[in-house]
Amino acid sequence: VSFTLIGMLGSGIARRTGRRMTRAEWLGGTALPSVCATIALYAWGALH
């Protein structure tokens, strides 16, 4: 899921091509790494 979300974020950045990001795009771009961080932290703790 983390790699999928990072791929989605990367494709969204690539699609932008010179256009200024809207507030919704900026917030969505912040939400995806936050979800990835949550998942990664859970996996790290679960491994312990």
All heavy atoms as atom14 arrays in JSON, in Angstrom:
{
  "sequence": "VSFTLIGMLGSGIARRTGRRMTRAEWLGGTALPSVCATIALYAWGALH",
  "atom14_mask": [
    [1, 1, 1, 1, 1, 1, 1, 0, 0, 0, 0, 0, 0, 0],
    [1, 1, 1, 1, 1, 1, 0, 0, 0, 0, 0, 0, 0, 0],
    [1, 1, 1, 1, 1, 1, 1, 1, 1, 1, 1, 0, 0, 0],
    [1, 1, 1, 1, 1, 1, 1, 0, 0, 0, 0, 0, 0, 0],
    [1, 1, 1, 1, 1, 1, 1, 1, 0, 0, 0, 0, 0, 0],
    [1, 1, 1, 1, 1, 1, 1, 1, 0, 0, 0, 0, 0, 0],
    [1, 1, 1, 1, 0, 0, 0, 0, 0, 0, 0, 0, 0, 0],
    [1, 1, 1, 1, 1, 1, 1, 1, 0, 0, 0, 0, 0, 0],
    [1, 1, 1, 1, 1, 1, 1, 1, 0, 0, 0, 0, 0, 0],
    [1, 1, 1, 1, 0, 0, 0, 0, 0, 0, 0, 0, 0, 0],
    [1, 1, 1, 1, 1, 1, 0, 0, 0, 0, 0, 0, 0, 0],
    [1, 1, 1, 1, 0, 0, 0, 0, 0, 0, 0, 0, 0, 0],
    [1, 1, 1, 1, 1, 1, 1, 1, 0, 0, 0, 0, 0, 0],
    [1, 1, 1, 1, 1, 0, 0, 0, 0, 0, 0, 0, 0, 0],
    [1, 1, 1, 1, 1, 1, 1, 1, 1, 1, 1, 0, 0, 0],
    [1, 1, 1, 1, 1, 1, 1, 1, 1, 1, 1, 0, 0, 0],
    [1, 1, 1, 1, 1, 1, 1, 0, 0, 0, 0, 0, 0, 0],
    [1, 1, 1, 1, 0, 0, 0, 0, 0, 0, 0, 0, 0, 0],
    [1, 1, 1, 1, 1, 1, 1, 1, 1, 1, 1, 0, 0, 0],
    [1, 1, 1, 1, 1, 1, 1, 1, 1, 1, 1, 0, 0, 0],
    [1, 1, 1, 1, 1, 1, 1, 1, 0, 0, 0, 0, 0, 0],
    [1, 1, 1, 1, 1, 1, 1, 0, 0, 0, 0, 0, 0, 0],
    [1, 1, 1, 1, 1, 1, 1, 1, 1, 1, 1, 0, 0, 0],
    [1, 1, 1, 1, 1, 0, 0, 0, 0, 0, 0, 0, 0, 0],
    [1, 1, 1, 1, 1, 1, 1, 1, 1, 0, 0, 0, 0, 0],
    [1, 1, 1, 1, 1, 1, 1, 1, 1, 1, 1, 1, 1, 1],
    [1, 1, 1, 1, 1, 1, 1, 1, 0, 0, 0, 0, 0, 0],
    [1, 1, 1, 1, 0, 0, 0, 0, 0, 0, 0, 0, 0, 0],
    [1, 1, 1, 1, 0, 0, 0, 0, 0, 0, 0, 0, 0, 0],
    [1, 1, 1, 1, 1, 1, 1, 0, 0, 0, 0, 0, 0, 0],
    [1, 1, 1, 1, 1, 0, 0, 0, 0, 0, 0, 0, 0, 0],
    [1, 1, 1, 1, 1, 1, 1, 1, 0, 0, 0, 0, 0, 0],
    [1, 1, 1, 1, 1, 1, 1, 0, 0, 0, 0, 0, 0, 0],
    [1, 1, 1, 1, 1, 1, 0, 0, 0, 0, 0, 0, 0, 0],
    [1, 1, 1, 1, 1, 1, 1, 0, 0, 0, 0, 0, 0, 0],
    [1, 1, 1, 1, 1, 1, 0, 0, 0, 0, 0, 0, 0, 0],
    [1, 1, 1, 1, 1, 0, 0, 0, 0, 0, 0, 0, 0, 0],
    [1, 1, 1, 1, 1, 1, 1, 0, 0, 0, 0, 0, 0, 0],
    [1, 1, 1, 1, 1, 1, 1, 1, 0, 0, 0, 0, 0, 0],
    [1, 1, 1, 1, 1, 0, 0, 0, 0, 0, 0, 0, 0, 0],
    [1, 1, 1, 1, 1, 1, 1, 1, 0, 0, 0, 0, 0, 0],
    [1, 1, 1, 1, 1, 1, 1, 1, 1, 1, 1, 1, 0, 0],
    [1, 1, 1, 1, 1, 0, 0, 0, 0, 0, 0, 0, 0, 0],
    [1, 1, 1, 1, 1, 1, 1, 1, 1, 1, 1, 1, 1, 1],
    [1, 1, 1, 1, 0, 0, 0, 0, 0, 0, 0, 0, 0, 0],
    [1, 1, 1, 1, 1, 0, 0, 0, 0, 0, 0, 0, 0, 0],
    [1, 1, 1, 1, 1, 1, 1, 1, 0, 0, 0, 0, 0, 0],
    [1, 1, 1, 1, 1, 1, 1, 1, 1, 1, 0, 0, 0, 0]
  ],
  "atom14_positions": [
    [[0.84, -1.21, 0.0], [0.0, 0.0, 0.0], [0.87, 1.26, 0.0], [0.59, 2.22, -0.72], [-0.97, -0.01, 1.2], [-1.65, 1.33, 1.39], [-2.02, -1.1, 1.01], [0.0, 0.0, 0.0], [0.0, 0.0, 0.0], [0.0, 0.0, 0.0], [0.0, 0.0, 0.0], [0.0, 0.0, 0.0], [0.0, 0.0, 0.0], [0.0, 0.0, 0.0]],
    [[1.94, 1.26, 0.78], [2.83, 2.43, 0.84], [3.45, 2.72, -0.53], [3.46, 3.86, -0.98], [3.94, 2.23, 1.87], [3.4, 2.26, 3.15], [0.0, 0.0, 0.0], [0.0, 0.0, 0.0], [0.0, 0.0, 0.0], [0.0, 0.0, 0.0], [0.0, 0.0, 0.0], [0.0, 0.0, 0.0], [0.0, 0.0, 0.0], [0.0, 0.0, 0.0]],
    [[3.96, 1.68, -1.19], [4.55, 1.89, -2.51], [3.51, 2.33, -3.52], [3.79, 3.15, -4.4], [5.29, 0.63, -2.98], [6.66, 0.5, -2.4], [6.96, -0.54, -1.55], [7.65, 1.43, -2.67], [8.22, -0.67, -0.98], [8.91, 1.33, -2.12], [9.21, 0.27, -1.27], [0.0, 0.0, 0.0], [0.0, 0.0, 0.0], [0.0, 0.0, 0.0]],
    [[2.3, 1.82, -3.42], [1.22, 2.25, -4.31], [0.9, 3.72, -4.1], [0.75, 4.47, -5.07], [-0.04, 1.39, -4.08], [0.3, 0.02, -4.31], [-1.17, 1.8, -4.99], [0.0, 0.0, 0.0], [0.0, 0.0, 0.0], [0.0, 0.0, 0.0], [0.0, 0.0, 0.0], [0.0, 0.0, 0.0], [0.0, 0.0, 0.0], [0.0, 0.0, 0.0]],
    [[0.79, 4.14, -2.85], [0.49, 5.54, -2.56], [1.62, 6.47, -3.0], [1.37, 7.56, -3.52], [0.2, 5.72, -1.08], [-1.08, 5.07, -0.57], [-1.2, 5.22, 0.94], [-2.3, 5.66, -1.25], [0.0, 0.0, 0.0], [0.0, 0.0, 0.0], [0.0, 0.0, 0.0], [0.0, 0.0, 0.0], [0.0, 0.0, 0.0], [0.0, 0.0, 0.0]],
    [[2.86, 6.04, -2.82], [3.99, 6.85, -3.29], [3.96, 6.95, -4.81], [4.22, 8.01, -5.38], [5.32, 6.26, -2.78], [5.43, 6.46, -1.27], [6.52, 6.88, -3.5], [6.57, 5.72, -0.61], [0.0, 0.0, 0.0], [0.0, 0.0, 0.0], [0.0, 0.0, 0.0], [0.0, 0.0, 0.0], [0.0, 0.0, 0.0], [0.0, 0.0, 0.0]],
    [[3.6, 5.86, -5.49], [3.44, 5.91, -6.94], [2.34, 6.86, -7.38], [2.48, 7.6, -8.35], [0.0, 0.0, 0.0], [0.0, 0.0, 0.0], [0.0, 0.0, 0.0], [0.0, 0.0, 0.0], [0.0, 0.0, 0.0], [0.0, 0.0, 0.0], [0.0, 0.0, 0.0], [0.0, 0.0, 0.0], [0.0, 0.0, 0.0], [0.0, 0.0, 0.0]],
    [[1.23, 6.86, -6.64], [0.14, 7.79, -6.94], [0.6, 9.24, -6.77], [0.27, 10.1, -7.59], [-1.06, 7.52, -6.03], [-1.82, 6.26, -6.37], [-3.11, 5.9, -5.15], [-4.11, 7.38, -5.18], [0.0, 0.0, 0.0], [0.0, 0.0, 0.0], [0.0, 0.0, 0.0], [0.0, 0.0, 0.0], [0.0, 0.0, 0.0], [0.0, 0.0, 0.0]],
    [[1.35, 9.5, -5.73], [1.86, 10.85, -5.48], [2.8, 11.26, -6.61], [2.71, 12.37, -7.13], [2.58, 10.9, -4.14], [3.18, 12.24, -3.74], [2.08, 13.29, -3.58], [3.95, 12.11, -2.43], [0.0, 0.0, 0.0], [0.0, 0.0, 0.0], [0.0, 0.0, 0.0], [0.0, 0.0, 0.0], [0.0, 0.0, 0.0], [0.0, 0.0, 0.0]],
    [[3.68, 10.36, -7.0], [4.62, 10.65, -8.09], [3.92, 10.9, -9.4], [4.27, 11.83, -10.14], [0.0, 0.0, 0.0], [0.0, 0.0, 0.0], [0.0, 0.0, 0.0], [0.0, 0.0, 0.0], [0.0, 0.0, 0.0], [0.0, 0.0, 0.0], [0.0, 0.0, 0.0], [0.0, 0.0, 0.0], [0.0, 0.0, 0.0], [0.0, 0.0, 0.0]],
    [[2.87, 10.12, -9.7], [2.16, 10.34, -10.96], [1.38, 11.65, -10.93], [1.26, 12.32, -11.94], [1.22, 9.17, -11.26], [0.13, 9.16, -10.37], [0.0, 0.0, 0.0], [0.0, 0.0, 0.0], [0.0, 0.0, 0.0], [0.0, 0.0, 0.0], [0.0, 0.0, 0.0], [0.0, 0.0, 0.0], [0.0, 0.0, 0.0], [0.0, 0.0, 0.0]],
    [[0.89, 12.04, -9.76], [0.19, 13.32, -9.64], [1.14, 14.48, -9.85], [0.78, 15.48, -10.48], [0.0, 0.0, 0.0], [0.0, 0.0, 0.0], [0.0, 0.0, 0.0], [0.0, 0.0, 0.0], [0.0, 0.0, 0.0], [0.0, 0.0, 0.0], [0.0, 0.0, 0.0], [0.0, 0.0, 0.0], [0.0, 0.0, 0.0], [0.0, 0.0, 0.0]],
    [[2.36, 14.35, -9.34], [3.36, 15.4, -9.55], [3.76, 15.46, -11.01], [3.9, 16.55, -11.58], [4.58, 15.16, -8.63], [4.18, 15.39, -7.18], [5.74, 16.05, -9.02], [5.24, 14.98, -6.17], [0.0, 0.0, 0.0], [0.0, 0.0, 0.0], [0.0, 0.0, 0.0], [0.0, 0.0, 0.0], [0.0, 0.0, 0.0], [0.0, 0.0, 0.0]],
    [[3.93, 14.32, -11.64], [4.33, 14.27, -13.05], [3.25, 14.85, -13.96], [3.55, 15.5, -14.96], [4.65, 12.85, -13.47], [0.0, 0.0, 0.0], [0.0, 0.0, 0.0], [0.0, 0.0, 0.0], [0.0, 0.0, 0.0], [0.0, 0.0, 0.0], [0.0, 0.0, 0.0], [0.0, 0.0, 0.0], [0.0, 0.0, 0.0], [0.0, 0.0, 0.0]],
    [[1.99, 14.65, -13.63], [0.88, 15.17, -14.43], [0.78, 16.68, -14.38], [0.23, 17.3, -15.28], [-0.44, 14.58, -13.93], [-0.95, 13.44, -14.7], [-2.38, 13.13, -14.32], [-2.57, 13.23, -12.87], [-3.06, 12.26, -12.1], [-3.44, 11.15, -12.64], [-3.19, 12.42, -10.81], [0.0, 0.0, 0.0], [0.0, 0.0, 0.0], [0.0, 0.0, 0.0]],
    [[1.25, 17.27, -13.32], [1.1, 18.71, -13.11], [1.8, 19.51, -14.18], [1.26, 20.49, -14.68], [1.65, 19.06, -11.73], [0.68, 19.85, -10.95], [1.19, 20.22, -9.59], [2.24, 21.21, -9.73], [3.48, 21.07, -9.28], [3.82, 20.02, -8.64], [4.37, 22.0, -9.44], [0.0, 0.0, 0.0], [0.0, 0.0, 0.0], [0.0, 0.0, 0.0]],
    [[2.99, 19.19, -14.53], [3.8, 19.81, -15.59], [3.62, 21.32, -15.73], [2.98, 21.82, -16.65], [3.53, 19.15, -16.96], [2.16, 19.33, -17.3], [3.9, 17.69, -16.96], [0.0, 0.0, 0.0], [0.0, 0.0, 0.0], [0.0, 0.0, 0.0], [0.0, 0.0, 0.0], [0.0, 0.0, 0.0], [0.0, 0.0, 0.0], [0.0, 0.0, 0.0]],
    [[4.21, 22.04, -14.8], [4.24, 23.5, -14.89], [3.02, 24.21, -14.35], [3.06, 25.41, -14.14], [0.0, 0.0, 0.0], [0.0, 0.0, 0.0], [0.0, 0.0, 0.0], [0.0, 0.0, 0.0], [0.0, 0.0, 0.0], [0.0, 0.0, 0.0], [0.0, 0.0, 0.0], [0.0, 0.0, 0.0], [0.0, 0.0, 0.0], [0.0, 0.0, 0.0]],
    [[1.94, 23.52, -14.15], [0.72, 24.15, -13.63], [0.87, 24.3, -12.13], [1.41, 23.44, -11.45], [-0.49, 23.26, -13.96], [-1.82, 23.84, -13.57], [-2.96, 22.95, -14.04], [-2.84, 21.55, -13.61], [-3.25, 21.11, -12.42], [-3.76, 21.91, -11.54], [-3.13, 19.83, -12.13], [0.0, 0.0, 0.0], [0.0, 0.0, 0.0], [0.0, 0.0, 0.0]],
    [[0.39, 25.4, -11.62], [0.45, 25.64, -10.18], [-0.52, 24.72, -9.45], [-1.64, 24.52, -9.9], [0.1, 27.09, -9.91], [0.45, 27.51, -8.54], [0.42, 29.0, -8.41], [0.8, 29.25, -7.02], [0.44, 30.28, -6.35], [-0.28, 31.22, -6.91], [0.81, 30.41, -5.1], [0.0, 0.0, 0.0], [0.0, 0.0, 0.0], [0.0, 0.0, 0.0]],
    [[-0.08, 24.19, -8.3], [-0.93, 23.27, -7.53], [-2.06, 24.03, -6.85], [-1.85, 25.11, -6.31], [-0.11, 22.56, -6.44], [0.76, 21.46, -6.95], [1.7, 20.67, -5.62], [0.44, 19.79, -4.75], [0.0, 0.0, 0.0], [0.0, 0.0, 0.0], [0.0, 0.0, 0.0], [0.0, 0.0, 0.0], [0.0, 0.0, 0.0], [0.0, 0.0, 0.0]],
    [[-3.24, 23.44, -6.88], [-4.36, 24.0, -6.14], [-4.22, 23.62, -4.68], [-3.44, 22.75, -4.31], [-5.71, 23.48, -6.68], [-5.77, 22.06, -6.43], [-5.87, 23.77, -8.16], [0.0, 0.0, 0.0], [0.0, 0.0, 0.0], [0.0, 0.0, 0.0], [0.0, 0.0, 0.0], [0.0, 0.0, 0.0], [0.0, 0.0, 0.0], [0.0, 0.0, 0.0]],
    [[-5.03, 24.25, -3.84], [-4.99, 23.94, -2.42], [-5.38, 22.47, -2.19], [-4.77, 21.78, -1.37], [-5.93, 24.86, -1.65], [-5.89, 24.62, -0.17], [-6.67, 25.62, 0.62], [-7.8, 26.17, -0.09], [-8.84, 26.73, 0.48], [-8.89, 26.81, 1.79], [-9.83, 27.21, -0.22], [0.0, 0.0, 0.0], [0.0, 0.0, 0.0], [0.0, 0.0, 0.0]],
    [[-6.37, 21.99, -2.92], [-6.8, 20.6, -2.77], [-5.69, 19.63, -3.17], [-5.47, 18.61, -2.5], [-8.06, 20.33, -3.6], [0.0, 0.0, 0.0], [0.0, 0.0, 0.0], [0.0, 0.0, 0.0], [0.0, 0.0, 0.0], [0.0, 0.0, 0.0], [0.0, 0.0, 0.0], [0.0, 0.0, 0.0], [0.0, 0.0, 0.0], [0.0, 0.0, 0.0]],
    [[-4.96, 19.95, -4.24], [-3.85, 19.09, -4.66], [-2.72, 19.11, -3.64], [-2.11, 18.08, -3.35], [-3.32, 19.53, -6.03], [-4.27, 19.26, -7.16], [-3.82, 19.89, -8.46], [-3.12, 20.92, -8.44], [-4.18, 19.33, -9.51], [0.0, 0.0, 0.0], [0.0, 0.0, 0.0], [0.0, 0.0, 0.0], [0.0, 0.0, 0.0], [0.0, 0.0, 0.0]],
    [[-2.45, 20.29, -3.09], [-1.4, 20.4, -2.08], [-1.76, 19.6, -0.84], [-0.93, 18.87, -0.3], [-1.19, 21.88, -1.73], [-0.03, 22.07, -0.81], [1.28, 22.21, -1.14], [-0.09, 22.13, 0.63], [2.04, 22.35, -0.01], [1.22, 22.31, 1.1], [-1.12, 22.05, 1.55], [1.53, 22.4, 2.44], [-0.81, 22.15, 2.9], [0.5, 22.33, 3.33]],
    [[-3.0, 19.72, -0.4], [-3.43, 18.98, 0.79], [-3.46, 17.48, 0.52], [-3.07, 16.68, 1.38], [-4.8, 19.46, 1.25], [-4.81, 20.86, 1.88], [-6.23, 21.39, 1.98], [-4.12, 20.84, 3.23], [0.0, 0.0, 0.0], [0.0, 0.0, 0.0], [0.0, 0.0, 0.0], [0.0, 0.0, 0.0], [0.0, 0.0, 0.0], [0.0, 0.0, 0.0]],
    [[-3.93, 17.08, -0.66], [-3.92, 15.66, -1.02], [-2.49, 15.13, -1.09], [-2.22, 13.99, -0.7], [0.0, 0.0, 0.0], [0.0, 0.0, 0.0], [0.0, 0.0, 0.0], [0.0, 0.0, 0.0], [0.0, 0.0, 0.0], [0.0, 0.0, 0.0], [0.0, 0.0, 0.0], [0.0, 0.0, 0.0], [0.0, 0.0, 0.0], [0.0, 0.0, 0.0]],
    [[-1.58, 15.97, -1.59], [-0.17, 15.6, -1.65], [0.46, 15.47, -0.27], [1.44, 14.77, -0.09], [0.0, 0.0, 0.0], [0.0, 0.0, 0.0], [0.0, 0.0, 0.0], [0.0, 0.0, 0.0], [0.0, 0.0, 0.0], [0.0, 0.0, 0.0], [0.0, 0.0, 0.0], [0.0, 0.0, 0.0], [0.0, 0.0, 0.0], [0.0, 0.0, 0.0]],
    [[-0.11, 16.14, 0.71], [0.36, 16.01, 2.09], [-0.26, 14.79, 2.76], [0.38, 14.13, 3.57], [0.0, 17.28, 2.9], [0.57, 18.41, 2.24], [0.53, 17.2, 4.31], [0.0, 0.0, 0.0], [0.0, 0.0, 0.0], [0.0, 0.0, 0.0], [0.0, 0.0, 0.0], [0.0, 0.0, 0.0], [0.0, 0.0, 0.0], [0.0, 0.0, 0.0]],
    [[-1.49, 14.49, 2.4], [-2.19, 13.35, 3.01], [-1.54, 12.02, 2.63], [-1.4, 11.14, 3.48], [-3.67, 13.35, 2.62], [0.0, 0.0, 0.0], [0.0, 0.0, 0.0], [0.0, 0.0, 0.0], [0.0, 0.0, 0.0], [0.0, 0.0, 0.0], [0.0, 0.0, 0.0], [0.0, 0.0, 0.0], [0.0, 0.0, 0.0], [0.0, 0.0, 0.0]],
    [[-1.14, 11.87, 1.38], [-0.56, 10.6, 0.93], [0.73, 10.23, 1.68], [0.84, 9.1, 2.17], [-0.33, 10.6, -0.58], [-1.59, 10.43, -1.43], [-1.25, 10.56, -2.91], [-2.25, 9.11, -1.16], [0.0, 0.0, 0.0], [0.0, 0.0, 0.0], [0.0, 0.0, 0.0], [0.0, 0.0, 0.0], [0.0, 0.0, 0.0], [0.0, 0.0, 0.0]],
    [[1.69, 11.13, 1.8], [2.89, 10.76, 2.59], [2.56, 10.51, 4.07], [3.21, 9.69, 4.72], [3.83, 11.95, 2.44], [3.36, 12.67, 1.24], [1.9, 12.4, 1.11], [0.0, 0.0, 0.0], [0.0, 0.0, 0.0], [0.0, 0.0, 0.0], [0.0, 0.0, 0.0], [0.0, 0.0, 0.0], [0.0, 0.0, 0.0], [0.0, 0.0, 0.0]],
    [[1.54, 11.2, 4.58], [1.14, 10.97, 5.97], [0.59, 9.57, 6.15], [0.86, 8.9, 7.15], [0.11, 12.01, 6.41], [0.65, 13.3, 6.34], [0.0, 0.0, 0.0], [0.0, 0.0, 0.0], [0.0, 0.0, 0.0], [0.0, 0.0, 0.0], [0.0, 0.0, 0.0], [0.0, 0.0, 0.0], [0.0, 0.0, 0.0], [0.0, 0.0, 0.0]],
    [[-0.21, 9.12, 5.18], [-0.73, 7.75, 5.22], [0.43, 6.76, 5.12], [0.49, 5.78, 5.87], [-1.76, 7.51, 4.1], [-2.12, 6.04, 3.98], [-3.01, 8.34, 4.33], [0.0, 0.0, 0.0], [0.0, 0.0, 0.0], [0.0, 0.0, 0.0], [0.0, 0.0, 0.0], [0.0, 0.0, 0.0], [0.0, 0.0, 0.0], [0.0, 0.0, 0.0]],
    [[1.37, 7.03, 4.23], [2.54, 6.16, 4.08], [3.35, 6.1, 5.38], [3.8, 5.03, 5.79], [3.43, 6.64, 2.94], [2.71, 6.42, 1.32], [0.0, 0.0, 0.0], [0.0, 0.0, 0.0], [0.0, 0.0, 0.0], [0.0, 0.0, 0.0], [0.0, 0.0, 0.0], [0.0, 0.0, 0.0], [0.0, 0.0, 0.0], [0.0, 0.0, 0.0]],
    [[3.53, 7.25, 6.03], [4.27, 7.29, 7.29], [3.55, 6.49, 8.37], [4.18, 5.76, 9.14], [4.47, 8.73, 7.74], [0.0, 0.0, 0.0], [0.0, 0.0, 0.0], [0.0, 0.0, 0.0], [0.0, 0.0, 0.0], [0.0, 0.0, 0.0], [0.0, 0.0, 0.0], [0.0, 0.0, 0.0], [0.0, 0.0, 0.0], [0.0, 0.0, 0.0]],
    [[2.22, 6.61, 8.42], [1.45, 5.85, 9.4], [1.62, 4.36, 9.18], [1.87, 3.6, 10.12], [-0.05, 6.23, 9.31], [-0.2, 7.64, 9.5], [-0.88, 5.48, 10.33], [0.0, 0.0, 0.0], [0.0, 0.0, 0.0], [0.0, 0.0, 0.0], [0.0, 0.0, 0.0], [0.0, 0.0, 0.0], [0.0, 0.0, 0.0], [0.0, 0.0, 0.0]],
    [[1.51, 3.93, 7.94], [1.65, 2.51, 7.61], [3.07, 2.02, 7.9], [3.26, 0.95, 8.48], [1.27, 2.26, 6.14], [-0.23, 2.5, 5.94], [1.64, 0.85, 5.7], [-0.66, 2.54, 4.49], [0.0, 0.0, 0.0], [0.0, 0.0, 0.0], [0.0, 0.0, 0.0], [0.0, 0.0, 0.0], [0.0, 0.0, 0.0], [0.0, 0.0, 0.0]],
    [[4.07, 2.82, 7.53], [5.46, 2.42, 7.76], [5.76, 2.32, 9.26], [6.44, 1.37, 9.69], [6.4, 3.42, 7.09], [0.0, 0.0, 0.0], [0.0, 0.0, 0.0], [0.0, 0.0, 0.0], [0.0, 0.0, 0.0], [0.0, 0.0, 0.0], [0.0, 0.0, 0.0], [0.0, 0.0, 0.0], [0.0, 0.0, 0.0], [0.0, 0.0, 0.0]],
    [[5.26, 3.26, 10.05], [5.49, 3.21, 11.49], [4.8, 2.0, 12.11], [5.35, 1.34, 13.0], [5.01, 4.5, 12.16], [5.93, 5.7, 11.96], [5.19, 7.0, 12.28], [7.17, 5.56, 12.81], [0.0, 0.0, 0.0], [0.0, 0.0, 0.0], [0.0, 0.0, 0.0], [0.0, 0.0, 0.0], [0.0, 0.0, 0.0], [0.0, 0.0, 0.0]],
    [[3.59, 1.69, 11.65], [2.9, 0.52, 12.18], [3.68, -0.75, 11.83], [3.86, -1.63, 12.68], [1.47, 0.42, 11.64], [0.7, -0.68, 12.31], [0.03, -0.43, 13.51], [0.66, -1.96, 11.8], [-0.64, -1.45, 14.17], [-0.01, -2.99, 12.45], [-0.67, -2.72, 13.63], [-1.33, -3.73, 14.27], [0.0, 0.0, 0.0], [0.0, 0.0, 0.0]],
    [[4.14, -0.84, 10.59], [4.9, -2.02, 10.17], [6.19, -2.15, 10.98], [6.57, -3.24, 11.41], [5.21, -1.95, 8.68], [0.0, 0.0, 0.0], [0.0, 0.0, 0.0], [0.0, 0.0, 0.0], [0.0, 0.0, 0.0], [0.0, 0.0, 0.0], [0.0, 0.0, 0.0], [0.0, 0.0, 0.0], [0.0, 0.0, 0.0], [0.0, 0.0, 0.0]],
    [[6.86, -1.02, 11.23], [8.1, -1.04, 12.02], [7.82, -1.54, 13.44], [8.55, -2.39, 13.96], [8.71, 0.35, 12.03], [9.95, 0.48, 12.84], [10.12, 1.2, 13.98], [11.22, -0.13, 12.57], [11.4, 1.07, 14.44], [12.11, 0.27, 13.58], [11.69, -0.97, 11.56], [13.42, -0.16, 13.63], [13.0, -1.39, 11.61], [13.86, -0.99, 12.63]],
    [[6.79, -1.03, 14.07], [6.45, -1.49, 15.41], [6.0, -2.94, 15.43], [6.33, -3.7, 16.34], [0.0, 0.0, 0.0], [0.0, 0.0, 0.0], [0.0, 0.0, 0.0], [0.0, 0.0, 0.0], [0.0, 0.0, 0.0], [0.0, 0.0, 0.0], [0.0, 0.0, 0.0], [0.0, 0.0, 0.0], [0.0, 0.0, 0.0], [0.0, 0.0, 0.0]],
    [[5.23, -3.34, 14.4], [4.75, -4.72, 14.31], [5.92, -5.69, 14.14], [5.89, -6.8, 14.67], [3.76, -4.87, 13.17], [0.0, 0.0, 0.0], [0.0, 0.0, 0.0], [0.0, 0.0, 0.0], [0.0, 0.0, 0.0], [0.0, 0.0, 0.0], [0.0, 0.0, 0.0], [0.0, 0.0, 0.0], [0.0, 0.0, 0.0], [0.0, 0.0, 0.0]],
    [[6.94, -5.28, 13.42], [8.12, -6.13, 13.27], [8.79, -6.38, 14.62], [9.28, -7.48, 14.87], [9.12, -5.51, 12.29], [8.74, -5.58, 10.82], [9.71, -4.77, 9.98], [8.68, -7.01, 10.34], [0.0, 0.0, 0.0], [0.0, 0.0, 0.0], [0.0, 0.0, 0.0], [0.0, 0.0, 0.0], [0.0, 0.0, 0.0], [0.0, 0.0, 0.0]],
    [[8.81, -5.37, 15.49], [9.4, -5.55, 16.81], [8.6, -6.58, 17.62], [9.18, -7.37, 18.36], [9.45, -4.22, 17.57], [10.56, -3.34, 17.14], [10.47, -2.53, 16.03], [11.8, -3.15, 17.65], [11.6, -1.88, 15.9], [12.42, -2.23, 16.86], [0.0, 0.0, 0.0], [0.0, 0.0, 0.0], [0.0, 0.0, 0.0], [0.0, 0.0, 0.0]]
  ]
}
